[in-house]
PDB file of N, CA and C in Angstrom:
ATOM      1  N   UNK A   1      12.953  21.847   1.704  1.00  0.00           N
ATOM      2  CA  UNK A   1      11.644  21.985   2.111  1.00  0.00           C
ATOM      3  C   UNK A   1      10.699  20.925   1.393  1.00  0.00           C
ATOM      4  N   UNK A   2       9.998  20.422   2.353  1.00  0.00           N
ATOM      5  CA  UNK A   2       8.958  19.300   1.970  1.00  0.00           C
ATOM      6  C   UNK A   2       7.619  19.717   2.742  1.00  0.00           C
ATOM      7  N   UNK A   3       6.506  18.955   1.964  1.00  0.00           N
ATOM      8  CA  UNK A   3       5.217  19.121   2.713  1.00  0.00           C
ATOM      9  C   UNK A   3       4.479  17.730   2.492  1.00  0.00           C
ATOM     10  N   UNK A   4       3.658  17.275   3.391  1.00  0.00           N
ATOM     11  CA  UNK A   4       2.703  16.362   3.336  1.00  0.00           C
ATOM     12  C   UNK A   4       1.457  16.835   2.925  1.00  0.00           C
ATOM     13  N   UNK A   5       0.795  16.575   1.703  1.00  0.00           N
ATOM     14  CA  UNK A   5      -0.350  17.012   1.188  1.00  0.00           C
ATOM     15  C   UNK A   5      -1.385  15.933   0.999  1.00  0.00           C
ATOM     16  N   UNK A   6      -2.679  16.180   1.201  1.00  0.00           N
ATOM     17  CA  UNK A   6      -3.705  15.106   1.049  1.00  0.00           C
ATOM     18  C   UNK A   6      -4.457  15.382  -0.265  1.00  0.00           C
ATOM     19  N   UNK A   7      -4.428  14.518  -1.274  1.00  0.00           N
ATOM     20  CA  UNK A   7      -4.797  14.679  -2.404  1.00  0.00           C
ATOM     21  C   UNK A   7      -5.863  13.468  -2.726  1.00  0.00           C
ATOM     22  N   UNK A   8      -6.970  13.623  -3.018  1.00  0.00           N
ATOM     23  CA  UNK A   8      -8.136  12.595  -3.404  1.00  0.00           C
ATOM     24  C   UNK A   8      -7.923  11.485  -2.275  1.00  0.00           C
ATOM     25  N   UNK A   9      -7.838  11.897  -0.941  1.00  0.00           N
ATOM     26  CA  UNK A   9      -7.853  10.924   0.103  1.00  0.00           C
ATOM     27  C   UNK A   9      -6.723  10.168   0.242  1.00  0.00           C
ATOM     28  N   UNK A  10      -5.585  10.313  -0.438  1.00  0.00           N
ATOM     29  CA  UNK A  10      -4.212   9.907  -0.313  1.00  0.00           C
ATOM     30  C   UNK A  10      -3.320  11.052   0.277  1.00  0.00           C
ATOM     31  N   UNK A  11      -2.316  10.531   0.908  1.00  0.00           N
ATOM     32  CA  UNK A  11      -1.147  11.537   1.491  1.00  0.00           C
ATOM     33  C   UNK A  11       0.037  11.269   0.446  1.00  0.00           C
ATOM     34  N   UNK A  12       0.636  12.477   0.084  1.00  0.00           N
ATOM     35  CA  UNK A  12       1.818  12.368  -0.685  1.00  0.00           C
ATOM     36  C   UNK A  12       2.778  13.309   0.064  1.00  0.00           C
ATOM     37  N   UNK A  13       4.133  12.915  -0.135  1.00  0.00           N
ATOM     38  CA  UNK A  13       5.291  13.733   0.311  1.00  0.00           C
ATOM     39  C   UNK A  13       5.775  14.376  -0.955  1.00  0.00           C
ATOM     40  N   UNK A  14       5.782  15.845  -0.965  1.00  0.00           N
ATOM     41  CA  UNK A  14       6.049  16.555  -2.007  1.00  0.00           C
ATOM     42  C   UNK A  14       7.300  17.505  -1.834  1.00  0.00           C
ATOM     43  N   UNK A  15       7.980  17.803  -2.838  1.00  0.00           N
ATOM     44  CA  UNK A  15       9.030  18.759  -2.829  1.00  0.00           C
ATOM     45  C   UNK A  15       9.061  19.555  -4.090  1.00  0.00           C
ATOM     46  N   UNK A  16       9.649  20.641  -4.102  1.00  0.00           N
ATOM     47  CA  UNK A  16       9.733  21.476  -5.330  1.00  0.00           C
ATOM     48  C   UNK A  16      10.458  20.703  -6.477  1.00  0.00           C
ATOM     49  N   UNK A  17       9.769  20.868  -7.686  1.00  0.00           N
ATOM     50  CA  UNK A  17      10.325  20.333  -8.950  1.00  0.00           C
ATOM     51  C   UNK A  17      10.118  18.716  -8.970  1.00  0.00           C
ATOM     52  N   UNK A  18       9.233  18.178  -8.035  1.00  0.00           N
ATOM     53  CA  UNK A  18       9.214  16.696  -8.118  1.00  0.00           C
ATOM     54  C   UNK A  18       7.936  16.476  -8.903  1.00  0.00           C
ATOM     55  N   UNK A  19       8.007  15.213  -9.654  1.00  0.00           N
ATOM     56  CA  UNK A  19       6.862  14.925 -10.547  1.00  0.00           C
ATOM     57  C   UNK A  19       6.280  13.565  -9.802  1.00  0.00           C
ATOM     58  N   UNK A  20       4.942  13.604  -9.706  1.00  0.00           N
ATOM     59  CA  UNK A  20       4.590  12.199  -9.235  1.00  0.00           C
ATOM     60  C   UNK A  20       2.927  11.976  -9.918  1.00  0.00           C
ATOM     61  N   UNK A  21       2.416  10.736  -9.797  1.00  0.00           N
ATOM     62  CA  UNK A  21       1.261  10.291 -10.287  1.00  0.00           C
ATOM     63  C   UNK A  21       0.148  10.335  -9.171  1.00  0.00           C
ATOM     64  N   UNK A  22      -0.902  10.845  -9.327  1.00  0.00           N
ATOM     65  CA  UNK A  22      -1.980  11.151  -8.376  1.00  0.00           C
ATOM     66  C   UNK A  22      -3.253  10.525  -9.086  1.00  0.00           C
ATOM     67  N   UNK A  23      -4.311  10.199  -8.354  1.00  0.00           N
ATOM     68  CA  UNK A  23      -5.638  10.010  -9.044  1.00  0.00           C
ATOM     69  C   UNK A  23      -6.115  10.961  -9.860  1.00  0.00           C
ATOM     70  N   UNK A  24      -6.717  10.700 -10.712  1.00  0.00           N
ATOM     71  CA  UNK A  24      -7.262  11.529 -11.814  1.00  0.00           C
ATOM     72  C   UNK A  24      -7.944  12.781 -11.303  1.00  0.00           C
ATOM     73  N   UNK A  25      -7.131  14.027 -11.904  1.00  0.00           N
ATOM     74  CA  UNK A  25      -7.731  15.487 -11.626  1.00  0.00           C
ATOM     75  C   UNK A  25      -8.154  15.977 -12.911  1.00  0.00           C
ATOM     76  N   UNK A  26      -9.336  16.586 -12.842  1.00  0.00           N
ATOM     77  CA  UNK A  26      -9.813  17.232 -14.206  1.00  0.00           C
ATOM     78  C   UNK A  26      -8.831  18.410 -14.401  1.00  0.00           C
ATOM     79  N   UNK A  27      -8.768  18.581 -15.805  1.00  0.00           N
ATOM     80  CA  UNK A  27      -8.014  19.624 -16.347  1.00  0.00           C
ATOM     81  C   UNK A  27      -7.140  19.190 -17.695  1.00  0.00           C
ATOM     82  N   UNK A  28      -6.727  20.018 -18.324  1.00  0.00           N
ATOM     83  CA  UNK A  28      -5.815  19.836 -19.478  1.00  0.00           C
ATOM     84  C   UNK A  28      -4.330  19.818 -19.243  1.00  0.00           C
ATOM     85  N   UNK A  29      -3.407  19.264 -19.973  1.00  0.00           N
ATOM     86  CA  UNK A  29      -1.962  19.518 -19.840  1.00  0.00           C
ATOM     87  C   UNK A  29      -1.407  20.827 -19.857  1.00  0.00           C
ATOM     88  N   UNK A  30      -0.849  21.295 -18.897  1.00  0.00           N
ATOM     89  CA  UNK A  30      -0.304  22.630 -18.887  1.00  0.00           C
ATOM     90  C   UNK A  30      -1.237  23.502 -17.728  1.00  0.00           C
ATOM     91  N   UNK A  31      -2.237  23.159 -17.258  1.00  0.00           N
ATOM     92  CA  UNK A  31      -3.114  23.916 -16.385  1.00  0.00           C
ATOM     93  C   UNK A  31      -2.393  23.859 -14.989  1.00  0.00           C
ATOM     94  N   UNK A  32      -2.832  24.843 -14.164  1.00  0.00           N
ATOM     95  CA  UNK A  32      -2.163  24.927 -12.919  1.00  0.00           C
ATOM     96  C   UNK A  32      -3.346  24.353 -11.925  1.00  0.00           C
ATOM     97  N   UNK A  33      -2.798  23.673 -10.928  1.00  0.00           N
ATOM     98  CA  UNK A  33      -3.829  23.083  -9.981  1.00  0.00           C
ATOM     99  C   UNK A  33      -3.054  23.625  -8.627  1.00  0.00           C
ATOM    100  N   UNK A  34      -4.059  23.634  -7.527  1.00  0.00           N
ATOM    101  CA  UNK A  34      -3.548  24.159  -6.194  1.00  0.00           C
ATOM    102  C   UNK A  34      -4.147  23.227  -5.298  1.00  0.00           C
ATOM    103  N   UNK A  35      -3.339  22.679  -4.220  1.00  0.00           N
ATOM    104  CA  UNK A  35      -3.932  21.814  -3.043  1.00  0.00           C
ATOM    105  C   UNK A  35      -3.515  22.507  -1.882  1.00  0.00           C
ATOM    106  N   UNK A  36      -4.756  22.759  -1.011  1.00  0.00           N
ATOM    107  CA  UNK A  36      -4.616  23.386   0.145  1.00  0.00           C
ATOM    108  C   UNK A  36      -4.677  22.628   1.287  1.00  0.00           C
ATOM    109  N   UNK A  37      -4.835  21.308   1.165  1.00  0.00           N
ATOM    110  CA  UNK A  37      -5.114  20.487   2.242  1.00  0.00           C
ATOM    111  C   UNK A  37      -3.606  20.043   2.653  1.00  0.00           C
ATOM    112  N   UNK A  38      -2.853  20.883   3.121  1.00  0.00           N
ATOM    113  CA  UNK A  38      -1.569  20.409   3.644  1.00  0.00           C
ATOM    114  C   UNK A  38      -1.353  20.142   5.133  1.00  0.00           C
ATOM    115  N   UNK A  39      -0.930  18.850   5.289  1.00  0.00           N
ATOM    116  CA  UNK A  39      -0.965  18.425   6.838  1.00  0.00           C
ATOM    117  C   UNK A  39       0.184  18.763   7.510  1.00  0.00           C
ATOM    118  N   UNK A  40       1.437  18.928   6.894  1.00  0.00           N
ATOM    119  CA  UNK A  40       2.748  19.005   7.578  1.00  0.00           C
ATOM    120  C   UNK A  40       3.699  19.673   6.551  1.00  0.00           C
ATOM    121  N   UNK A  41       4.321  20.620   7.066  1.00  0.00           N
ATOM    122  CA  UNK A  41       5.654  21.335   6.423  1.00  0.00           C
ATOM    123  C   UNK A  41       6.863  21.296   7.190  1.00  0.00           C
ATOM    124  N   UNK A  42       7.850  21.078   6.484  1.00  0.00           N
ATOM    125  CA  UNK A  42       9.291  21.142   7.052  1.00  0.00           C
ATOM    126  C   UNK A  42      10.238  22.230   6.327  1.00  0.00           C
ATOM    127  N   UNK A  43      10.437  23.210   7.157  1.00  0.00           N
ATOM    128  CA  UNK A  43      11.355  24.160   6.425  1.00  0.00           C
ATOM    129  C   UNK A  43      12.452  24.386   7.222  1.00  0.00           C
ATOM    130  N   UNK A  44      13.638  23.756   6.813  1.00  0.00           N
ATOM    131  CA  UNK A  44      14.903  23.744   7.320  1.00  0.00           C
ATOM    132  C   UNK A  44      14.865  23.208   8.834  1.00  0.00           C
ATOM    133  N   UNK A  45      14.210  22.229   9.005  1.00  0.00           N
ATOM    134  CA  UNK A  45      14.189  21.685  10.366  1.00  0.00           C
ATOM    135  C   UNK A  45      13.036  22.233  11.416  1.00  0.00           C
ATOM    136  N   UNK A  46      12.252  23.192  10.878  1.00  0.00           N
ATOM    137  CA  UNK A  46      11.088  23.536  11.660  1.00  0.00           C
ATOM    138  C   UNK A  46       9.933  23.163  11.146  1.00  0.00           C
ATOM    139  N   UNK A  47       9.328  22.234  11.919  1.00  0.00           N
ATOM    140  CA  UNK A  47       8.086  21.505  11.679  1.00  0.00           C
ATOM    141  C   UNK A  47       6.814  22.228  11.857  1.00  0.00           C
ATOM    142  N   UNK A  48       5.777  22.438  11.011  1.00  0.00           N
ATOM    143  CA  UNK A  48       4.476  22.799  11.370  1.00  0.00           C
ATOM    144  C   UNK A  48       3.499  21.765  11.112  1.00  0.00           C
ATOM    145  N   UNK A  49       2.608  21.526  12.148  1.00  0.00           N
ATOM    146  CA  UNK A  49       1.800  20.282  11.814  1.00  0.00           C
ATOM    147  C   UNK A  49       0.237  20.685  12.307  1.00  0.00           C
ATOM    148  N   UNK A  50      -0.574  20.076  11.523  1.00  0.00           N
ATOM    149  CA  UNK A  50      -2.121  20.373  11.787  1.00  0.00           C
ATOM    150  C   UNK A  50      -2.634  21.798  11.698  1.00  0.00           C
ATOM    151  N   UNK A  51      -3.143  22.460  12.708  1.00  0.00           N
ATOM    152  CA  UNK A  51      -3.689  23.754  12.527  1.00  0.00           C
ATOM    153  C   UNK A  51      -2.617  24.909  12.307  1.00  0.00           C
ATOM    154  N   UNK A  52      -1.260  24.584  12.550  1.00  0.00           N
ATOM    155  CA  UNK A  52      -0.242  25.555  12.534  1.00  0.00           C
ATOM    156  C   UNK A  52       0.172  25.699  11.000  1.00  0.00           C
ATOM    157  N   UNK A  53      -0.195  24.991  10.139  1.00  0.00           N
ATOM    158  CA  UNK A  53       0.232  24.819   8.778  1.00  0.00           C
ATOM    159  C   UNK A  53      -0.685  25.791   8.087  1.00  0.00           C
ATOM    160  N   UNK A  54       0.114  26.818   7.513  1.00  0.00           N
ATOM    161  CA  UNK A  54      -0.552  28.032   6.557  1.00  0.00           C
ATOM    162  C   UNK A  54       0.008  27.896   5.189  1.00  0.00           C
ATOM    163  N   UNK A  55      -0.115  26.605   4.612  1.00  0.00           N
ATOM    164  CA  UNK A  55       0.621  26.490   3.154  1.00  0.00           C
ATOM    165  C   UNK A  55      -0.317  25.960   2.175  1.00  0.00           C
ATOM    166  N   UNK A  56       0.243  26.082   0.902  1.00  0.00           N
ATOM    167  CA  UNK A  56      -0.544  25.452  -0.183  1.00  0.00           C
ATOM    168  C   UNK A  56       0.507  25.085  -1.129  1.00  0.00           C
ATOM    169  N   UNK A  57       0.006  24.205  -1.924  1.00  0.00           N
ATOM    170  CA  UNK A  57       1.092  23.495  -2.813  1.00  0.00           C
ATOM    171  C   UNK A  57       0.357  23.799  -4.292  1.00  0.00           C
ATOM    172  N   UNK A  58       1.337  24.478  -5.091  1.00  0.00           N
ATOM    173  CA  UNK A  58       0.824  24.613  -6.455  1.00  0.00           C
ATOM    174  C   UNK A  58       1.663  23.615  -7.407  1.00  0.00           C
ATOM    175  N   UNK A  59       0.964  23.308  -8.415  1.00  0.00           N
ATOM    176  CA  UNK A  59       1.507  22.222  -9.202  1.00  0.00           C
ATOM    177  C   UNK A  59       0.884  22.438 -10.664  1.00  0.00           C
ATOM    178  N   UNK A  60       1.658  21.770 -11.610  1.00  0.00           N
ATOM    179  CA  UNK A  60       1.141  22.001 -13.224  1.00  0.00           C
ATOM    180  C   UNK A  60       0.842  20.536 -13.475  1.00  0.00           C
ATOM    181  N   UNK A  61      -0.324  20.387 -14.321  1.00  0.00           N
ATOM    182  CA  UNK A  61      -0.503  19.225 -14.837  1.00  0.00           C
ATOM    183  C   UNK A  61       0.286  18.802 -16.036  1.00  0.00           C
ATOM    184  N   UNK A  62       1.001  17.595 -16.118  1.00  0.00           N
ATOM    185  CA  UNK A  62       1.844  17.192 -17.281  1.00  0.00           C
ATOM    186  C   UNK A  62       1.191  16.432 -18.149  1.00  0.00           C
ATOM    187  N   UNK A  63       0.486  15.269 -17.688  1.00  0.00           N
ATOM    188  CA  UNK A  63      -0.148  14.504 -18.566  1.00  0.00           C
ATOM    189  C   UNK A  63      -1.185  13.633 -17.839  1.00  0.00           C
ATOM    190  N   UNK A  64      -2.215  13.153 -18.639  1.00  0.00           N
ATOM    191  CA  UNK A  64      -3.126  12.099 -18.245  1.00  0.00           C
ATOM    192  C   UNK A  64      -2.718  10.736 -18.569  1.00  0.00           C
ATOM    193  N   UNK A  65      -2.553   9.707 -17.673  1.00  0.00           N
ATOM    194  CA  UNK A  65      -2.042   8.382 -18.177  1.00  0.00           C
ATOM    195  C   UNK A  65      -2.859   7.375 -17.496  1.00  0.00           C
ATOM    196  N   UNK A  66      -2.746   6.275 -17.913  1.00  0.00           N
ATOM    197  CA  UNK A  66      -3.343   4.836 -17.415  1.00  0.00           C
ATOM    198  C   UNK A  66      -2.350   4.006 -16.721  1.00  0.00           C
ATOM    199  N   UNK A  67      -2.858   3.527 -15.643  1.00  0.00           N
ATOM    200  CA  UNK A  67      -1.920   2.481 -14.855  1.00  0.00           C
ATOM    201  C   UNK A  67      -1.767   1.281 -15.605  1.00  0.00           C
ATOM    202  N   UNK A  68      -1.117   0.275 -15.069  1.00  0.00           N
ATOM    203  CA  UNK A  68      -1.197  -1.076 -15.405  1.00  0.00           C
ATOM    204  C   UNK A  68      -2.495  -1.792 -15.377  1.00  0.00           C
ATOM    205  N   UNK A  69      -2.605  -2.782 -16.256  1.00  0.00           N
ATOM    206  CA  UNK A  69      -3.723  -3.462 -16.328  1.00  0.00           C
ATOM    207  C   UNK A  69      -3.858  -4.398 -15.021  1.00  0.00           C
ATOM    208  N   UNK A  70      -5.023  -4.409 -14.442  1.00  0.00           N
ATOM    209  CA  UNK A  70      -5.316  -5.247 -13.208  1.00  0.00           C
ATOM    210  C   UNK A  70      -6.103  -6.265 -13.747  1.00  0.00           C
ATOM    211  N   UNK A  71      -6.023  -7.663 -13.412  1.00  0.00           N
ATOM    212  CA  UNK A  71      -6.931  -8.526 -14.027  1.00  0.00           C
ATOM    213  C   UNK A  71      -7.710  -9.064 -12.892  1.00  0.00           C
ATOM    214  N   UNK A  72      -9.019  -9.301 -12.791  1.00  0.00           N
ATOM    215  CA  UNK A  72      -9.895  -9.966 -11.876  1.00  0.00           C
ATOM    216  C   UNK A  72     -10.311 -11.171 -12.390  1.00  0.00           C
ATOM    217  N   UNK A  73      -9.864 -12.340 -11.912  1.00  0.00           N
ATOM    218  CA  UNK A  73     -10.147 -13.676 -12.372  1.00  0.00           C
ATOM    219  C   UNK A  73     -10.941 -14.381 -11.240  1.00  0.00           C
ATOM    220  N   UNK A  74     -12.197 -14.812 -11.703  1.00  0.00           N
ATOM    221  CA  UNK A  74     -12.988 -15.504 -10.698  1.00  0.00           C
ATOM    222  C   UNK A  74     -13.216 -16.898 -11.224  1.00  0.00           C
ATOM    223  N   UNK A  75     -13.200 -17.962 -10.459  1.00  0.00           N
ATOM    224  CA  UNK A  75     -13.455 -19.287 -10.716  1.00  0.00           C
ATOM    225  C   UNK A  75     -13.996 -20.127  -9.596  1.00  0.00           C
ATOM    226  N   UNK A  76     -14.831 -21.062  -9.865  1.00  0.00           N
ATOM    227  CA  UNK A  76     -15.460 -21.820  -9.069  1.00  0.00           C
ATOM    228  C   UNK A  76     -15.178 -23.262  -9.582  1.00  0.00           C
ATOM    229  N   UNK A  77     -14.451 -24.050  -8.733  1.00  0.00           N
ATOM    230  CA  UNK A  77     -13.877 -25.180  -9.206  1.00  0.00           C
ATOM    231  C   UNK A  77     -15.053 -26.445  -9.413  1.00  0.00           C
ATOM    232  N   UNK A  78     -14.774 -27.234 -10.172  1.00  0.00           N
ATOM    233  CA  UNK A  78     -15.726 -28.292 -10.645  1.00  0.00           C
ATOM    234  C   UNK A  78     -17.089 -27.723 -11.120  1.00  0.00           C
ATOM    235  N   UNK A  79     -17.189 -26.510 -11.371  1.00  0.00           N
ATOM    236  CA  UNK A  79     -18.666 -25.926 -11.855  1.00  0.00           C
ATOM    237  C   UNK A  79     -18.623 -25.504 -13.225  1.00  0.00           C
ATOM    238  N   UNK A  80     -17.339 -25.188 -13.736  1.00  0.00           N
ATOM    239  CA  UNK A  80     -17.247 -24.692 -15.069  1.00  0.00           C
ATOM    240  C   UNK A  80     -17.368 -23.270 -15.181  1.00  0.00           C
ATOM    241  N   UNK A  81     -17.381 -22.417 -13.990  1.00  0.00           N
ATOM    242  CA  UNK A  81     -17.559 -21.057 -13.902  1.00  0.00           C
ATOM    243  C   UNK A  81     -16.182 -20.365 -14.028  1.00  0.00           C
ATOM    244  N   UNK A  82     -15.974 -19.517 -14.976  1.00  0.00           N
ATOM    245  CA  UNK A  82     -14.749 -18.792 -15.051  1.00  0.00           C
ATOM    246  C   UNK A  82     -15.303 -17.182 -15.554  1.00  0.00           C
ATOM    247  N   UNK A  83     -14.742 -16.373 -14.830  1.00  0.00           N
ATOM    248  CA  UNK A  83     -14.988 -14.862 -15.310  1.00  0.00           C
ATOM    249  C   UNK A  83     -13.835 -14.115 -15.161  1.00  0.00           C
ATOM    250  N   UNK A  84     -13.532 -13.481 -16.271  1.00  0.00           N
ATOM    251  CA  UNK A  84     -12.158 -12.741 -16.339  1.00  0.00           C
ATOM    252  C   UNK A  84     -12.447 -11.412 -16.830  1.00  0.00           C
ATOM    253  N   UNK A  85     -12.064 -10.376 -16.117  1.00  0.00           N
ATOM    254  CA  UNK A  85     -12.122  -8.842 -16.552  1.00  0.00           C
ATOM    255  C   UNK A  85     -11.181  -8.128 -15.937  1.00  0.00           C
ATOM    256  N   UNK A  86     -10.880  -7.061 -16.370  1.00  0.00           N
ATOM    257  CA  UNK A  86      -9.704  -6.179 -15.905  1.00  0.00           C
ATOM    258  C   UNK A  86     -10.082  -4.590 -16.196  1.00  0.00           C
ATOM    259  N   UNK A  87      -9.227  -3.917 -15.548  1.00  0.00           N
ATOM    260  CA  UNK A  87      -9.240  -2.438 -15.518  1.00  0.00           C
ATOM    261  C   UNK A  87      -7.908  -1.727 -15.570  1.00  0.00           C
ATOM    262  N   UNK A  88      -7.969  -0.512 -16.106  1.00  0.00           N
ATOM    263  CA  UNK A  88      -6.684   0.352 -15.900  1.00  0.00           C
ATOM    264  C   UNK A  88      -7.068   1.634 -15.169  1.00  0.00           C
ATOM    265  N   UNK A  89      -6.592   1.964 -14.090  1.00  0.00           N
ATOM    266  CA  UNK A  89      -6.768   3.187 -13.271  1.00  0.00           C
ATOM    267  C   UNK A  89      -6.264   4.319 -13.912  1.00  0.00           C
ATOM    268  N   UNK A  90      -7.044   5.359 -14.046  1.00  0.00           N
ATOM    269  CA  UNK A  90      -6.585   6.656 -14.701  1.00  0.00           C
ATOM    270  C   UNK A  90      -5.871   7.504 -13.479  1.00  0.00           C
ATOM    271  N   UNK A  91      -4.572   7.988 -13.922  1.00  0.00           N
ATOM    272  CA  UNK A  91      -3.708   8.796 -13.108  1.00  0.00           C
ATOM    273  C   UNK A  91      -3.391  10.197 -13.871  1.00  0.00           C
ATOM    274  N   UNK A  92      -3.052  11.145 -13.176  1.00  0.00           N
ATOM    275  CA  UNK A  92      -2.584  12.435 -13.589  1.00  0.00           C
ATOM    276  C   UNK A  92      -1.210  12.649 -13.117  1.00  0.00           C
ATOM    277  N   UNK A  93      -0.476  12.902 -14.105  1.00  0.00           N
ATOM    278  CA  UNK A  93       1.072  13.193 -13.870  1.00  0.00           C
ATOM    279  C   UNK A  93       1.292  14.724 -13.525  1.00  0.00           C
ATOM    280  N   UNK A  94       1.946  15.046 -12.390  1.00  0.00           N
ATOM    281  CA  UNK A  94       1.789  16.576 -12.057  1.00  0.00           C
ATOM    282  C   UNK A  94       3.261  16.863 -11.540  1.00  0.00           C
ATOM    283  N   UNK A  95       3.684  18.001 -11.844  1.00  0.00           N
ATOM    284  CA  UNK A  95       4.995  18.638 -11.266  1.00  0.00           C
ATOM    285  C   UNK A  95       4.831  19.541 -10.429  1.00  0.00           C
ATOM    286  N   UNK A  96       5.371  19.645  -9.104  1.00  0.00           N
ATOM    287  CA  UNK A  96       5.155  20.649  -8.153  1.00  0.00           C
ATOM    288  C   UNK A  96       6.048  21.754  -8.623  1.00  0.00           C
ATOM    289  N   UNK A  97       5.368  22.840  -8.585  1.00  0.00           N
ATOM    290  CA  UNK A  97       6.041  23.990  -8.855  1.00  0.00           C
ATOM    291  C   UNK A  97       6.450  24.973  -7.824  1.00  0.00           C
ATOM    292  N   UNK A  98       5.800  24.917  -6.573  1.00  0.00           N
ATOM    293  CA  UNK A  98       6.215  25.341  -5.343  1.00  0.00           C
ATOM    294  C   UNK A  98       5.267  25.187  -4.301  1.00  0.00           C
ATOM    295  N   UNK A  99       5.844  25.335  -3.089  1.00  0.00           N
ATOM    296  CA  UNK A  99       5.080  25.059  -1.857  1.00  0.00           C
ATOM    297  C   UNK A  99       5.167  26.670  -1.206  1.00  0.00           C
ATOM    298  N   UNK A 100       3.845  27.204  -1.057  1.00  0.00           N
ATOM    299  CA  UNK A 100       3.834  28.727  -0.509  1.00  0.00           C
ATOM    300  C   UNK A 100       3.480  28.517   0.918  1.00  0.00           C
TER     301      UNK A 100
END
């Protein structure tokens, strides 16, 4: 069984006991979170799409992490203008506990 769930504007394909990184969600490690915006479910070949889906995805927060550093470098040739800055995106690592 798997489900397509929408989390923070992004769609993820999830299965039971799967771990994945999603955009930062508030909460502490060990807290339970629930995602009710399920777009599709597949249970042994029977698909439920759109309004037919009556499912929720329950997950547990494992950790909060930062992604790789992304460097933004701007330069204008022959002018001596150089600007370099970067950022690291915050992610939340979750483990899917069940699809109800």
